[in-house]
Amino acid sequence: MERIVMYEIIFLDETGEEDRNTFNTKETLYWAISALKLNNVNIISSGKASDTGRISPDDIGNDIHEFLHGGDK
């Protein structure tokens, strides 16, 4: 099963509450960091998401397909 690397930014929203956004590429992460900095948003942390146990949607689809066609029961 292939693991997907996800990236996240944890920041303070306009009410001062912690919020997070996740991205599937470093390029998108860097773009979002730049946009947040331009808007003077307080970034708490950024980098690889701590939830590295995610699996790709394709793997889920493959598992369902195998189940429906007599695979893993």
Protein backbone atom coordinates (compact mmCIF):
# COMPACT_ATOMS: atom_id res chain seq x y z
CA MET A 1 0.00 0.00 0.00
CA GLU A 2 1.48 3.33 -1.06
CA ARG A 3 1.68 6.10 1.52
CA ILE A 4 0.94 9.63 0.47
CA VAL A 5 3.11 12.40 1.86
CA MET A 6 0.93 15.27 2.99
CA TYR A 7 2.12 18.70 4.06
CA GLU A 8 0.38 21.02 6.47
CA ILE A 9 0.42 24.54 7.79
CA ILE A 10 -0.80 25.24 11.31
CA PHE A 11 -1.63 28.90 11.82
CA LEU A 12 -3.79 31.26 13.84
CA ASP A 13 -6.99 32.33 12.11
CA GLU A 14 -8.54 35.80 12.40
CA THR A 15 -10.11 34.94 15.78
CA GLY A 16 -6.79 33.71 17.20
CA GLU A 17 -7.83 30.05 17.06
CA GLU A 18 -5.48 27.41 15.72
CA ASP A 19 -6.36 26.22 12.22
CA ARG A 20 -4.66 23.98 9.69
CA ASN A 21 -4.56 23.40 5.96
CA THR A 22 -3.16 20.32 4.25
CA PHE A 23 -1.60 20.04 0.81
CA ASN A 24 -0.36 17.20 -1.35
CA THR A 25 2.69 18.93 -2.86
CA LYS A 26 5.55 20.98 -1.48
CA GLU A 27 4.99 23.58 -4.19
CA THR A 28 1.42 24.18 -3.02
CA LEU A 29 2.62 24.30 0.59
CA TYR A 30 5.21 26.97 -0.28
CA TRP A 31 2.65 28.98 -2.24
CA ALA A 32 0.24 28.89 0.74
CA ILE A 33 2.99 29.92 3.18
CA SER A 34 3.83 32.89 0.95
CA ALA A 35 0.17 33.91 0.74
CA LEU A 36 -0.27 33.67 4.51
CA LYS A 37 2.89 35.71 5.16
CA LEU A 38 1.70 38.41 2.74
CA ASN A 39 -1.45 38.68 4.85
CA ASN A 40 0.50 38.82 8.13
CA VAL A 41 -0.95 35.53 9.39
CA ASN A 42 0.87 33.95 12.35
CA ILE A 43 2.18 30.58 11.19
CA ILE A 44 2.77 28.17 14.08
CA SER A 45 4.36 25.37 12.07
CA SER A 46 4.60 23.94 8.59
CA GLY A 47 6.02 20.82 6.99
CA LYS A 48 5.07 17.18 6.66
CA ALA A 49 1.72 16.38 8.20
CA SER A 50 1.84 14.26 11.33
CA ASP A 51 -0.86 11.95 9.92
CA THR A 52 1.39 9.89 7.67
CA GLY A 53 -0.84 6.81 7.83
CA ARG A 54 -3.09 8.03 5.04
CA ILE A 55 -3.48 5.86 1.98
CA SER A 56 -4.08 7.01 -1.54
CA PRO A 57 -7.64 7.13 -2.89
CA ASP A 58 -6.50 4.78 -5.67
CA ASP A 59 -5.59 2.14 -3.08
CA ILE A 60 -9.04 2.44 -1.52
CA GLY A 61 -10.65 2.04 -4.96
CA ASN A 62 -8.48 -1.00 -5.71
CA ASP A 63 -9.46 -2.61 -2.39
CA ILE A 64 -13.16 -2.07 -3.10
CA HIS A 65 -12.76 -3.45 -6.64
CA GLU A 66 -11.01 -6.58 -5.34
CA PHE A 67 -13.68 -7.11 -2.70
CA LEU A 68 -16.54 -6.77 -5.18
CA HIS A 69 -14.92 -9.21 -7.60
CA GLY A 70 -14.10 -12.00 -5.17
CA GLY A 71 -10.80 -10.77 -3.80
CA ASP A 72 -10.08 -10.36 -0.08
CA LYS A 73 -13.24 -11.45 1.72
